[in-house]
Amino acid sequence: MVPDAKGIPWTSRIGGKQFVDYDRNIVVKNEGNSSGDISGSQHSILTMDKAISDLEIKLMASRAEHETIQKDPTMSEGVKNIESILKRNYFMVIGINTAFSSRKRRDSVRATWMPQAEKRKKLEEEKGIIIRFVIGHSSTSGGILDKAIEAEEKVHGDFLRLQHVEGYLELSAKTKTYFATAVSWWDAEFYVKVDDDIHVNLATLGVALARHRKKPRVYIGCMKSGPVLARKGVKYHEPEYWKFGEVGNKYFRHATGQLYAISKDLATYIFINQNLLHKYANEDVSLGAWFIGLDVEHVDDRRLCCGTPPDCEWKAQAGNICAASFDWRCSGICRSVERIVEVHERCGEDKNALWSANFVQTMRTSS
């Protein structure tokens, strides 16, 4: 049994889980009985606390170095601004998972819900929202695929390149690397992962996350518990199905992979433990598995998984604007390149909603 040491953000608790469902306004809380002598583990706690402090210092140094180089590769002016860089906090970092073959999807996102050029810069400076397409490298370093992304980056400047080799069967590793990289570059309250065939209303997403900003360890998404597929050859086959009990069992509750968000403490936990975290075949299952045994609040928010029109349109007309929309049967917007403009026109929030949102009033900017 692991004692419930509340001072440590990622200390395990046996059986302690909390689920929040905002559709039904029901909170189901099951606090397991912890046993153990906390005083007897003070040395371990103090050792972990010191390790965490050391890692936080390294994270701050990494962010400072990254932002300084971005501002001035020669480091001349950047070094003078180290103090202000270290103080910068963001509201949320949004990583859009993409692939080498998805240029048209990226362009469709840029043409709809992702602000461009000066507006994206304004979004970062005024609202504290960072948005980047997330991609690794090809198996042939410096090959034609990597050069194509480099050329696209020169035009748009909206990529986060990972130390990761791209591949569909490597999505769990990519997700882990994304969160570890993002938290080391930007100090934010929330870190979001979204696919490049999803429509997002940024202001509505921000409002959904902001209500949980005082919770240190929160995992937000559309929670599900699908079947563990043991049969080879089917989509979403789970090679390690035997770990989940008898054939026909379901996975533990976890957020569907189209869009989810985690708080800074959880992203930091991934950064610290990235070499120990096990990767299952499906990335959304992997993320949920990493939080099993931790004192984490699971938030089931159905605004993050609306359907495409007419579903999201009816909800918008009723005053319940969706944060994200997609087609379940396609695990994204079906034919997203052709249809995302229609979804944006029929289900998008008011064009001024993002700029009138009050994120800046509640951002934690150090004085």
Protein backbone atom coordinates (compact mmCIF):
# COMPACT_ATOMS: atom_id res chain seq x y z
CA MET A 1 0.00 0.00 0.00
CA VAL A 2 1.24 3.47 -0.82
CA PRO A 3 0.47 6.18 1.79
CA ASP A 4 -1.55 9.16 0.62
CA ALA A 5 1.06 11.92 0.84
CA LYS A 6 -0.93 14.85 -0.47
CA GLY A 7 2.06 17.14 -0.71
CA ILE A 8 3.42 15.10 -3.61
CA PRO A 9 1.43 15.74 -6.81
CA TRP A 10 1.86 12.26 -8.19
CA THR A 11 1.75 10.05 -5.10
CA SER A 12 -0.33 6.90 -5.69
CA ARG A 13 -3.54 6.24 -3.80
CA ILE A 14 -5.10 2.81 -3.82
CA GLY A 15 -8.70 2.97 -4.97
CA GLY A 16 -9.05 6.74 -4.80
CA LYS A 17 -10.83 7.88 -7.98
CA GLN A 18 -13.22 10.68 -8.74
CA PHE A 19 -15.38 10.94 -11.83
CA VAL A 20 -17.24 14.12 -12.81
CA ASP A 21 -19.92 14.01 -15.47
CA TYR A 22 -21.08 17.49 -16.48
CA ASP A 23 -23.87 16.24 -18.69
CA ARG A 24 -25.70 14.71 -15.74
CA ASN A 25 -24.24 16.95 -13.04
CA ILE A 26 -23.39 13.87 -10.99
CA VAL A 27 -20.24 13.48 -8.99
CA VAL A 28 -19.35 9.93 -8.03
CA LYS A 29 -16.55 9.75 -5.50
CA ASN A 30 -15.00 6.56 -4.18
CA GLU A 31 -12.30 7.17 -1.64
CA GLY A 32 -10.44 3.97 -0.91
CA ASN A 33 -9.08 3.31 2.54
CA SER A 34 -5.37 4.02 2.67
CA SER A 35 -3.18 2.37 5.23
CA GLY A 36 0.39 2.84 6.22
CA ASP A 37 2.41 5.02 8.47
CA ILE A 38 3.11 8.32 6.71
CA SER A 39 5.65 9.31 9.30
CA GLY A 40 7.57 6.16 8.50
CA SER A 41 8.01 7.24 4.89
CA GLN A 42 9.11 10.83 5.51
CA HIS A 43 12.58 10.14 4.16
CA SER A 44 11.17 8.86 0.85
CA ILE A 45 8.84 11.84 0.59
CA LEU A 46 11.63 14.35 1.27
CA THR A 47 13.86 12.62 -1.27
CA MET A 48 11.11 12.75 -3.91
CA ASP A 49 10.34 16.38 -3.06
CA LYS A 50 13.98 17.35 -3.61
CA ALA A 51 14.08 15.43 -6.90
CA ILE A 52 10.94 17.23 -8.05
CA SER A 53 12.43 20.62 -7.14
CA ASP A 54 15.59 19.81 -9.07
CA LEU A 55 13.57 18.77 -12.12
CA GLU A 56 11.47 21.94 -11.95
CA ILE A 57 14.68 23.98 -12.07
CA LYS A 58 15.81 22.00 -15.12
CA LEU A 59 12.43 22.57 -16.77
CA MET A 60 12.71 26.31 -16.21
CA ALA A 61 16.22 26.36 -17.65
CA SER A 62 15.09 24.36 -20.68
CA ARG A 63 12.21 26.75 -21.36
CA ALA A 64 14.49 29.74 -20.97
CA GLU A 65 17.01 28.34 -23.42
CA HIS A 66 14.33 27.46 -25.98
CA GLU A 67 12.57 30.82 -25.90
CA THR A 68 15.84 32.74 -25.89
CA ILE A 69 17.05 30.97 -29.01
CA GLN A 70 13.70 31.60 -30.70
CA LYS A 71 13.93 35.29 -29.97
CA ASP A 72 17.56 35.63 -31.10
CA PRO A 73 19.73 32.74 -32.29
CA THR A 74 22.83 34.79 -31.48
CA MET A 75 21.71 34.92 -27.82
CA SER A 76 22.68 38.59 -27.57
CA GLU A 77 19.29 40.05 -26.65
CA GLY A 78 17.84 36.79 -25.36
CA VAL A 79 20.30 36.51 -22.49
CA LYS A 80 19.25 39.96 -21.29
CA ASN A 81 15.65 38.78 -21.11
CA ILE A 82 16.19 35.49 -19.24
CA GLU A 83 14.44 36.80 -16.12
CA SER A 84 11.28 37.79 -17.99
CA ILE A 85 11.28 34.49 -19.92
CA LEU A 86 11.42 32.48 -16.71
CA LYS A 87 8.38 34.36 -15.39
CA ARG A 88 6.16 33.70 -18.44
CA ASN A 89 3.22 31.39 -17.83
CA TYR A 90 0.72 30.23 -20.44
CA PHE A 91 -2.87 29.13 -20.13
CA MET A 92 -2.75 26.11 -22.43
CA VAL A 93 -0.57 24.41 -25.01
CA ILE A 94 -2.46 22.68 -27.81
CA GLY A 95 -0.59 20.04 -29.77
CA ILE A 96 -2.26 18.99 -33.04
CA ASN A 97 -1.17 15.46 -33.87
CA THR A 98 -0.33 15.25 -37.56
CA ALA A 99 1.53 13.08 -40.07
CA PHE A 100 3.76 13.62 -43.09
CA SER A 101 0.89 12.78 -45.44
CA SER A 102 -1.53 15.24 -43.83
CA ARG A 103 -0.57 18.55 -45.49
CA LYS A 104 -4.13 19.12 -46.74
CA ARG A 105 -5.55 18.46 -43.27
CA ARG A 106 -3.15 20.99 -41.77
CA ASP A 107 -4.11 23.59 -44.35
CA SER A 108 -7.81 22.99 -43.63
CA VAL A 109 -7.19 23.54 -39.91
CA ARG A 110 -5.25 26.73 -40.66
CA ALA A 111 -8.14 27.93 -42.82
CA THR A 112 -10.73 27.39 -40.07
CA TRP A 113 -10.13 27.30 -36.31
CA MET A 114 -6.37 27.89 -35.95
CA PRO A 115 -5.37 31.60 -35.99
CA GLN A 116 -2.58 32.48 -38.39
CA ALA A 117 0.42 34.81 -38.52
CA GLU A 118 -0.02 37.90 -36.32
CA LYS A 119 -3.27 36.59 -34.86
CA ARG A 120 -1.49 33.47 -33.61
CA LYS A 121 1.22 35.64 -32.08
CA LYS A 122 -1.49 37.77 -30.46
CA LEU A 123 -3.14 34.60 -29.15
CA GLU A 124 0.09 33.60 -27.44
CA GLU A 125 0.84 37.02 -25.99
CA GLU A 126 -2.65 38.10 -24.93
CA LYS A 127 -4.43 34.84 -24.19
CA GLY A 128 -1.53 32.58 -23.28
CA ILE A 129 -2.54 29.93 -25.81
CA ILE A 130 0.15 28.07 -27.76
CA ILE A 131 -0.90 26.00 -30.80
CA ARG A 132 1.49 23.79 -32.76
CA PHE A 133 1.27 20.91 -35.19
CA VAL A 134 3.13 18.01 -33.59
CA ILE A 135 5.30 15.74 -35.70
CA GLY A 136 8.50 13.76 -35.33
CA HIS A 137 10.99 12.69 -37.97
CA SER A 138 11.01 10.09 -40.71
CA SER A 139 12.96 6.86 -40.44
CA THR A 140 15.36 8.35 -43.00
CA SER A 141 16.71 11.39 -41.22
CA GLY A 142 16.94 14.40 -43.48
CA GLY A 143 14.99 12.70 -46.24
CA ILE A 144 12.35 14.15 -48.52
CA LEU A 145 9.59 13.90 -45.89
CA ASP A 146 11.56 15.85 -43.31
CA LYS A 147 12.55 18.45 -45.90
CA ALA A 148 8.90 18.96 -46.84
CA ILE A 149 8.02 19.69 -43.20
CA GLU A 150 11.00 22.02 -42.89
CA ALA A 151 9.81 23.96 -45.94
CA GLU A 152 6.27 24.14 -44.52
CA GLU A 153 7.67 25.33 -41.20
CA LYS A 154 9.51 28.18 -42.92
CA VAL A 155 6.20 29.39 -44.33
CA HIS A 156 3.97 28.96 -41.28
CA GLY A 157 6.23 28.57 -38.24
CA ASP A 158 3.63 26.42 -36.47
CA PHE A 159 5.34 23.07 -35.86
CA LEU A 160 6.65 21.34 -32.76
CA ARG A 161 9.22 18.80 -33.95
CA LEU A 162 9.73 15.84 -31.64
CA GLN A 163 12.67 13.52 -31.14
CA HIS A 164 10.51 10.67 -32.37
CA VAL A 165 10.31 8.46 -35.47
CA GLU A 166 6.84 8.70 -37.02
CA GLY A 167 4.68 5.60 -37.46
CA TYR A 168 1.04 4.68 -36.79
CA LEU A 169 2.05 1.94 -34.36
CA GLU A 170 4.15 4.49 -32.45
CA LEU A 171 1.33 6.85 -31.39
CA SER A 172 1.70 5.98 -27.71
CA ALA A 173 5.39 6.86 -27.82
CA LYS A 174 4.61 10.06 -29.74
CA THR A 175 2.00 11.12 -27.18
CA LYS A 176 4.43 10.55 -24.33
CA THR A 177 7.17 12.50 -26.13
CA TYR A 178 4.77 15.33 -26.95
CA PHE A 179 3.73 15.94 -23.34
CA ALA A 180 7.31 15.61 -22.08
CA THR A 181 8.56 18.05 -24.72
CA ALA A 182 5.73 20.55 -24.34
CA VAL A 183 6.05 20.82 -20.56
CA SER A 184 9.81 21.33 -20.90
CA TRP A 185 9.34 24.17 -23.41
CA TRP A 186 6.29 26.01 -22.08
CA ASP A 187 5.06 26.49 -18.52
CA ALA A 188 1.30 26.18 -18.93
CA GLU A 189 -1.70 25.29 -16.81
CA PHE A 190 -3.03 22.74 -19.31
CA TYR A 191 -1.61 20.63 -22.12
CA VAL A 192 -4.01 19.51 -24.83
CA LYS A 193 -3.67 16.88 -27.53
CA VAL A 194 -6.03 16.97 -30.53
CA ASP A 195 -6.04 15.21 -33.89
CA ASP A 196 -5.75 17.15 -37.16
CA ASP A 197 -9.21 16.07 -38.38
CA ILE A 198 -11.12 17.58 -35.44
CA HIS A 199 -12.91 20.94 -35.33
CA VAL A 200 -12.16 22.99 -32.22
CA ASN A 201 -13.79 26.09 -30.75
CA LEU A 202 -10.89 27.62 -28.84
CA ALA A 203 -12.86 29.95 -26.56
CA THR A 204 -15.27 27.19 -25.56
CA LEU A 205 -12.38 24.81 -24.93
CA GLY A 206 -10.70 27.47 -22.81
CA VAL A 207 -13.82 28.00 -20.73
CA ALA A 208 -14.18 24.24 -20.23
CA LEU A 209 -10.60 23.97 -18.95
CA ALA A 210 -10.56 27.17 -16.90
CA ARG A 211 -13.17 25.85 -14.49
CA HIS A 212 -10.67 23.19 -13.40
CA ARG A 213 -7.59 25.39 -13.08
CA LYS A 214 -7.43 25.11 -9.28
CA LYS A 215 -7.20 21.33 -9.44
CA PRO A 216 -3.56 20.17 -9.47
CA ARG A 217 -4.06 16.77 -11.09
CA VAL A 218 -6.92 16.74 -13.56
CA TYR A 219 -7.50 14.64 -16.70
CA ILE A 220 -10.24 16.05 -18.96
CA GLY A 221 -11.93 14.48 -21.95
CA CYS A 222 -14.82 12.31 -23.06
CA MET A 223 -14.38 9.27 -20.85
CA LYS A 224 -15.08 5.85 -22.28
CA SER A 225 -14.46 2.19 -21.54
CA GLY A 226 -14.37 0.18 -24.74
CA PRO A 227 -13.81 -3.54 -25.22
CA VAL A 228 -10.33 -5.03 -25.17
CA LEU A 229 -9.96 -6.57 -28.64
CA ALA A 230 -8.01 -9.80 -28.42
CA ARG A 231 -8.47 -11.02 -32.01
CA LYS A 232 -5.55 -10.31 -34.32
CA GLY A 233 -6.14 -8.39 -37.52
CA VAL A 234 -8.97 -6.17 -36.25
CA LYS A 235 -8.60 -2.42 -35.85
CA TYR A 236 -7.45 -1.40 -32.35
CA HIS A 237 -6.24 -4.92 -31.60
CA GLU A 238 -4.64 -5.09 -28.16
CA PRO A 239 -1.63 -7.48 -28.19
CA GLU A 240 -1.48 -7.37 -24.38
CA TYR A 241 -5.16 -8.22 -23.95
CA TRP A 242 -4.33 -10.84 -21.32
CA LYS A 243 -3.33 -8.10 -18.88
CA PHE A 244 -6.93 -6.89 -18.74
CA GLY A 245 -8.42 -10.11 -17.41
CA GLU A 246 -10.77 -12.49 -19.15
CA VAL A 247 -11.54 -12.26 -22.86
CA GLY A 248 -14.43 -9.85 -23.37
CA ASN A 249 -13.40 -7.47 -20.60
CA LYS A 250 -13.36 -3.73 -21.07
CA TYR A 251 -10.58 -1.20 -20.59
CA PHE A 252 -10.46 1.03 -17.52
CA ARG A 253 -12.07 4.44 -17.94
CA HIS A 254 -10.00 6.77 -20.13
CA ALA A 255 -10.47 9.77 -22.42
CA THR A 256 -11.16 9.16 -26.09
CA GLY A 257 -8.15 10.01 -28.21
CA GLN A 258 -9.56 12.72 -30.48
CA LEU A 259 -9.06 15.45 -27.86
CA TYR A 260 -8.07 15.46 -24.21
CA ALA A 261 -6.30 17.74 -21.75
CA ILE A 262 -4.15 17.23 -18.69
CA SER A 263 -2.94 19.66 -16.01
CA LYS A 264 0.68 20.70 -15.59
CA ASP A 265 1.35 18.32 -12.70
CA LEU A 266 0.36 15.35 -14.85
CA ALA A 267 2.43 16.54 -17.82
CA THR A 268 5.37 16.96 -15.45
CA TYR A 269 4.77 13.45 -14.13
CA ILE A 270 5.04 12.12 -17.71
CA PHE A 271 8.23 14.13 -18.24
CA ILE A 272 9.84 12.73 -15.08
CA ASN A 273 8.77 9.12 -15.63
CA GLN A 274 8.83 8.90 -19.43
CA ASN A 275 11.40 6.11 -19.47
CA LEU A 276 9.25 3.96 -17.15
CA LEU A 277 5.76 4.44 -18.57
CA HIS A 278 4.45 1.42 -20.44
CA LYS A 279 3.03 1.88 -23.95
CA TYR A 280 -0.05 -0.06 -25.00
CA ALA A 281 -1.15 -0.41 -28.62
CA ASN A 282 -3.64 2.47 -28.39
CA GLU A 283 -2.41 5.89 -27.29
CA ASP A 284 -5.56 6.90 -25.44
CA VAL A 285 -5.41 3.66 -23.42
CA SER A 286 -1.73 4.31 -22.70
CA LEU A 287 -2.43 7.79 -21.35
CA GLY A 288 -5.21 6.50 -19.11
CA ALA A 289 -2.95 3.69 -17.88
CA TRP A 290 -0.25 6.16 -16.82
CA PHE A 291 -2.67 7.75 -14.37
CA ILE A 292 -3.98 4.53 -12.83
CA GLY A 293 -2.97 4.47 -9.20
CA LEU A 294 -2.41 8.23 -9.04
CA ASP A 295 -4.62 10.69 -7.19
CA VAL A 296 -6.11 12.09 -10.40
CA GLU A 297 -9.56 13.56 -11.01
CA HIS A 298 -11.15 12.27 -14.20
CA VAL A 299 -13.52 14.81 -15.79
CA ASP A 300 -16.03 13.56 -18.36
CA ASP A 301 -17.00 16.63 -20.42
CA ARG A 302 -19.17 15.78 -23.43
CA ARG A 303 -18.61 19.19 -25.00
CA LEU A 304 -15.27 17.79 -26.10
CA CYS A 305 -16.83 15.12 -28.33
CA CYS A 306 -19.87 16.51 -30.15
CA GLY A 307 -20.94 15.14 -33.49
CA THR A 308 -20.73 17.10 -36.73
CA PRO A 309 -23.86 18.85 -38.10
CA PRO A 310 -26.63 18.58 -37.29
CA ASP A 311 -25.57 17.56 -33.75
CA CYS A 312 -23.17 20.43 -32.97
CA GLU A 313 -25.41 22.88 -34.84
CA TRP A 314 -28.48 22.01 -32.73
CA LYS A 315 -26.44 22.34 -29.56
CA ALA A 316 -25.09 25.72 -30.66
CA GLN A 317 -28.60 26.95 -31.39
CA ALA A 318 -29.62 25.85 -27.89
CA GLY A 319 -26.75 27.85 -26.41
CA ASN A 320 -24.54 24.81 -25.73
CA ILE A 321 -21.61 25.45 -28.06
CA CYS A 322 -19.31 22.47 -28.51
CA ALA A 323 -15.59 22.63 -27.78
CA ALA A 324 -14.80 19.91 -30.32
CA SER A 325 -16.74 18.15 -33.08
CA PHE A 326 -16.08 15.00 -35.10
CA ASP A 327 -17.74 11.83 -36.42
CA TRP A 328 -17.41 8.83 -34.12
CA ARG A 329 -17.60 6.36 -37.01
CA CYS A 330 -14.50 7.93 -38.59
CA SER A 331 -12.70 8.74 -35.31
CA GLY A 332 -12.53 12.26 -36.70
CA ILE A 333 -14.46 14.36 -39.22
CA CYS A 334 -15.22 12.09 -42.15
CA ARG A 335 -13.48 13.56 -45.22
CA SER A 336 -12.26 16.38 -43.01
CA VAL A 337 -10.40 18.26 -45.75
CA GLU A 338 -13.67 18.72 -47.65
CA ARG A 339 -16.04 19.08 -44.68
CA ILE A 340 -14.26 21.00 -41.91
CA VAL A 341 -15.17 24.37 -43.47
CA GLU A 342 -18.85 23.40 -43.34
CA VAL A 343 -18.49 22.27 -39.72
CA HIS A 344 -16.75 25.56 -38.90
CA GLU A 345 -19.49 27.64 -40.54
CA ARG A 346 -22.37 25.77 -38.90
CA CYS A 347 -20.88 24.97 -35.50
CA GLY A 348 -18.13 27.52 -34.99
CA GLU A 349 -18.35 30.01 -32.13
CA ASP A 350 -18.67 33.74 -32.73
CA LYS A 351 -15.56 35.14 -34.41
CA ASN A 352 -15.04 37.53 -31.48
CA ALA A 353 -15.55 34.91 -28.76
CA LEU A 354 -11.87 34.04 -28.48
CA TRP A 355 -10.67 37.63 -28.33
CA SER A 356 -13.28 38.67 -25.77
CA ALA A 357 -12.64 35.66 -23.53
CA ASN A 358 -11.19 36.49 -20.11
CA PHE A 359 -8.29 34.02 -20.03
CA VAL A 360 -5.84 36.87 -19.56
CA GLN A 361 -7.58 37.91 -16.34
CA THR A 362 -6.90 34.58 -14.70
CA MET A 363 -3.54 33.66 -16.16
CA ARG A 364 -0.86 33.12 -13.57
CA THR A 365 1.78 35.63 -14.58
CA SER A 366 4.45 36.03 -11.94
CA SER A 367 5.11 39.52 -10.72
